[in-house]
Amino acid sequence: MIVVFDLGNVLIPWDRRFLYEKLIPDPTELDHFLDHVLTLDVNARLDRGTTLPALVAPLIDQHPQHQSLLEAFRDRWVETVKEPYPETVALLRELVDAGRTCYALSNWGADTFAMVQHQYRFLDWFDGLVISGREGVVKPEPEIFHRMCARYDFRPADALFIDDSAANIAAADRLGFATHLFTEPALLRADLTARGLL
């Protein structure tokens, strides 16, 4: 069975708060900024292929009082990711060493992924990567799953899809993938073992 991993918050910790907790000490102000200015919907434009400069420029026009905070997202985006989760990386290594074919399917901006790709050597262990910002389509849209299967010539029924998003898992379920909603490495290890993949 093929194994398909999401990247963000499965293998690589990502959160806008990693950066903005350094810049906005007041929790109420921080929540307001992330809920009303630099929202997850805004961030989703990166996942579709918008570049950081193209994303931030109109936001500064709309929210000039937050110019410096928005420029920080453009200039310090790498601070929204951290060191990978060692336990999940170890599982990936075990799968690869066991001869399993592994792919990555991630909602991630093209330019932001390029910024950090070299930091995570385990990305080279994958047999292929599908990054939404390069494709112009995102999970949970079926099209990105179809592209992955066509590109790497496999059927959903032959693959296990691992993601931390319930919406993405539901989409994969509908397409015929086996799925695992990721919450912690120990549960993933148990599932992989039960499926005979480790």
Protein backbone atom coordinates (compact mmCIF):
# COMPACT_ATOMS: atom_id res chain seq x y z
CA MET A 1 0.00 0.00 0.00
CA ILE A 2 1.19 3.51 -0.89
CA VAL A 3 1.35 6.06 1.95
CA VAL A 4 0.52 9.73 1.34
CA PHE A 5 1.49 12.27 3.99
CA ASP A 6 0.29 15.79 4.57
CA LEU A 7 3.22 17.98 5.66
CA GLY A 8 1.98 20.89 7.79
CA ASN A 9 1.25 19.83 11.38
CA VAL A 10 1.86 16.18 10.52
CA LEU A 11 5.58 16.33 9.82
CA ILE A 12 6.32 20.06 10.10
CA PRO A 13 4.82 22.32 12.80
CA TRP A 14 3.22 25.41 11.23
CA ASP A 15 1.28 28.22 12.90
CA ARG A 16 1.06 31.96 12.28
CA ARG A 17 1.26 32.34 16.05
CA PHE A 18 4.85 31.09 16.08
CA LEU A 19 5.79 34.43 14.50
CA TYR A 20 3.14 36.74 15.88
CA GLU A 21 3.45 35.78 19.54
CA LYS A 22 6.85 37.47 19.30
CA LEU A 23 5.35 40.63 17.81
CA ILE A 24 1.99 41.04 19.57
CA PRO A 25 2.37 40.36 23.30
CA ASP A 26 -1.26 41.06 24.18
CA PRO A 27 -3.33 37.87 23.60
CA THR A 28 -6.51 39.78 22.78
CA GLU A 29 -4.75 41.91 20.18
CA LEU A 30 -3.07 38.82 18.76
CA ASP A 31 -6.39 37.01 18.38
CA HIS A 32 -7.97 40.06 16.75
CA PHE A 33 -5.13 40.39 14.23
CA LEU A 34 -5.30 36.72 13.25
CA ASP A 35 -9.10 36.61 13.21
CA HIS A 36 -9.69 39.84 11.28
CA VAL A 37 -6.53 40.83 9.37
CA LEU A 38 -4.18 37.95 8.60
CA THR A 39 -6.91 35.30 8.60
CA LEU A 40 -6.67 31.66 7.59
CA ASP A 41 -8.73 32.56 4.51
CA VAL A 42 -6.06 35.08 3.57
CA ASN A 43 -3.35 32.51 4.14
CA ALA A 44 -5.23 30.06 1.92
CA ARG A 45 -4.40 32.32 -1.04
CA LEU A 46 -0.77 31.35 -0.56
CA ASP A 47 -1.80 27.72 -0.76
CA ARG A 48 -3.36 28.45 -4.16
CA GLY A 49 -0.18 30.01 -5.51
CA THR A 50 -0.30 33.70 -4.60
CA THR A 51 3.19 34.90 -3.70
CA LEU A 52 3.94 36.52 -0.36
CA PRO A 53 4.54 40.01 -1.85
CA ALA A 54 1.33 39.79 -3.88
CA LEU A 55 -0.58 38.65 -0.81
CA VAL A 56 0.74 41.28 1.57
CA ALA A 57 0.62 44.42 -0.60
CA PRO A 58 -3.20 44.69 -0.80
CA LEU A 59 -3.50 43.80 2.88
CA ILE A 60 -1.32 46.78 3.75
CA ASP A 61 -3.59 48.98 1.61
CA GLN A 62 -6.62 47.64 3.52
CA HIS A 63 -5.00 47.76 6.97
CA PRO A 64 -2.32 50.49 6.91
CA GLN A 65 -2.26 50.59 10.71
CA HIS A 66 -0.84 47.05 10.62
CA GLN A 67 1.79 47.68 7.96
CA SER A 68 4.78 46.56 10.02
CA LEU A 69 3.01 43.41 11.20
CA LEU A 70 2.02 42.48 7.66
CA GLU A 71 5.51 43.19 6.35
CA ALA A 72 6.76 40.76 8.99
CA PHE A 73 4.65 38.01 7.42
CA ARG A 74 6.29 38.73 4.08
CA ASP A 75 9.83 39.10 5.43
CA ARG A 76 9.83 36.61 8.32
CA TRP A 77 7.45 33.92 7.08
CA VAL A 78 10.05 31.22 7.87
CA GLU A 79 9.36 31.88 11.56
CA THR A 80 5.88 30.35 11.14
CA VAL A 81 7.45 26.88 10.88
CA LYS A 82 9.56 24.98 13.39
CA GLU A 83 11.74 21.90 13.58
CA PRO A 84 9.97 18.77 12.33
CA TYR A 85 8.20 16.36 14.63
CA PRO A 86 10.89 13.71 15.24
CA GLU A 87 8.43 10.89 15.93
CA THR A 88 6.58 11.38 12.64
CA VAL A 89 9.81 11.76 10.70
CA ALA A 90 10.95 8.47 12.26
CA LEU A 91 7.76 6.79 11.03
CA LEU A 92 8.38 8.07 7.52
CA ARG A 93 11.94 6.71 7.68
CA GLU A 94 10.68 3.31 8.82
CA LEU A 95 8.18 3.19 5.97
CA VAL A 96 10.84 4.10 3.43
CA ASP A 97 13.26 1.54 4.89
CA ALA A 98 10.49 -1.07 4.66
CA GLY A 99 10.24 -0.37 0.93
CA ARG A 100 6.95 1.51 1.05
CA THR A 101 6.22 4.08 -1.65
CA CYS A 102 5.55 7.42 0.04
CA TYR A 103 4.26 10.70 -1.38
CA ALA A 104 3.56 14.10 0.13
CA LEU A 105 0.39 16.05 -0.66
CA SER A 106 0.36 19.44 1.02
CA ASN A 107 -1.48 22.74 0.97
CA TRP A 108 1.56 25.00 0.89
CA GLY A 109 2.52 28.12 -1.07
CA ALA A 110 4.97 27.66 -3.92
CA ASP A 111 7.32 30.42 -2.81
CA THR A 112 7.05 29.68 0.91
CA PHE A 113 7.73 25.99 0.32
CA ALA A 114 10.82 26.90 -1.69
CA MET A 115 12.05 28.98 1.26
CA VAL A 116 12.17 26.02 3.62
CA GLN A 117 12.40 22.92 1.44
CA HIS A 118 16.17 22.70 1.92
CA GLN A 119 15.79 22.76 5.72
CA TYR A 120 13.91 19.46 5.82
CA ARG A 121 16.13 16.73 4.42
CA PHE A 122 13.46 14.09 4.95
CA LEU A 123 11.52 15.63 2.04
CA ASP A 124 14.05 13.88 -0.21
CA TRP A 125 12.80 10.53 1.09
CA PHE A 126 9.46 10.94 -0.68
CA ASP A 127 8.95 9.35 -4.07
CA GLY A 128 7.13 12.53 -5.10
CA LEU A 129 5.62 15.72 -3.72
CA VAL A 130 2.45 17.55 -4.76
CA ILE A 131 2.42 21.12 -3.43
CA SER A 132 -0.83 23.04 -3.85
CA GLY A 133 0.81 26.39 -4.58
CA ARG A 134 2.50 24.84 -7.61
CA GLU A 135 -0.76 23.26 -8.76
CA GLY A 136 -3.19 26.14 -8.24
CA VAL A 137 -5.65 23.79 -6.52
CA VAL A 138 -5.90 22.82 -2.86
CA LYS A 139 -7.20 20.11 -0.58
CA PRO A 140 -10.02 19.23 -0.02
CA GLU A 141 -10.81 19.82 -3.71
CA PRO A 142 -10.89 16.46 -5.54
CA GLU A 143 -8.77 17.80 -8.40
CA ILE A 144 -5.54 17.85 -6.43
CA PHE A 145 -6.04 14.22 -5.40
CA HIS A 146 -6.77 13.28 -9.02
CA ARG A 147 -3.60 15.03 -10.18
CA MET A 148 -1.48 13.19 -7.64
CA CYS A 149 -2.90 9.81 -8.64
CA ALA A 150 -2.49 10.54 -12.35
CA ARG A 151 1.05 11.87 -11.96
CA TYR A 152 2.27 8.92 -9.95
CA ASP A 153 0.02 6.31 -11.56
CA PHE A 154 -1.87 4.80 -8.64
CA ARG A 155 -5.49 4.38 -7.56
CA PRO A 156 -6.92 5.88 -4.37
CA ALA A 157 -7.88 2.36 -3.24
CA ASP A 158 -4.17 1.48 -3.18
CA ALA A 159 -3.16 4.30 -0.83
CA LEU A 160 -3.40 5.43 2.78
CA PHE A 161 -3.82 9.21 3.16
CA ILE A 162 -2.66 10.87 6.40
CA ASP A 163 -3.78 14.42 7.24
CA ASP A 164 -4.61 16.52 10.30
CA SER A 165 -7.65 18.15 8.65
CA ALA A 166 -11.02 16.43 8.99
CA ALA A 167 -12.24 18.11 5.79
CA ASN A 168 -9.29 16.76 3.82
CA ILE A 169 -9.78 13.30 5.29
CA ALA A 170 -13.47 13.36 4.35
CA ALA A 171 -12.58 14.33 0.77
CA ALA A 172 -10.06 11.49 0.52
CA ASP A 173 -12.60 9.05 1.98
CA ARG A 174 -15.10 9.99 -0.72
CA LEU A 175 -12.48 9.32 -3.39
CA GLY A 176 -11.73 5.85 -2.05
CA PHE A 177 -8.51 6.36 -0.09
CA ALA A 178 -7.88 4.59 3.17
CA THR A 179 -7.40 7.43 5.66
CA HIS A 180 -5.89 8.34 9.00
CA LEU A 181 -6.84 11.57 10.76
CA PHE A 182 -3.55 12.54 12.37
CA THR A 183 -3.61 13.67 15.99
CA GLU A 184 -0.42 12.19 17.42
CA PRO A 185 2.47 10.00 16.24
CA ALA A 186 1.73 7.12 18.62
CA LEU A 187 -1.74 6.62 17.15
CA LEU A 188 -0.37 6.83 13.62
CA ARG A 189 2.25 4.20 14.47
CA ALA A 190 -0.47 1.93 15.84
CA ASP A 191 -2.56 2.36 12.68
CA LEU A 192 0.39 1.75 10.35
CA THR A 193 1.30 -1.36 12.32
CA ALA A 194 -2.29 -2.65 12.28
CA ARG A 195 -2.36 -2.21 8.50
CA GLY A 196 0.86 -4.20 8.15
CA LEU A 197 2.78 -1.23 6.79
CA LEU A 198 5.47 -1.25 9.47
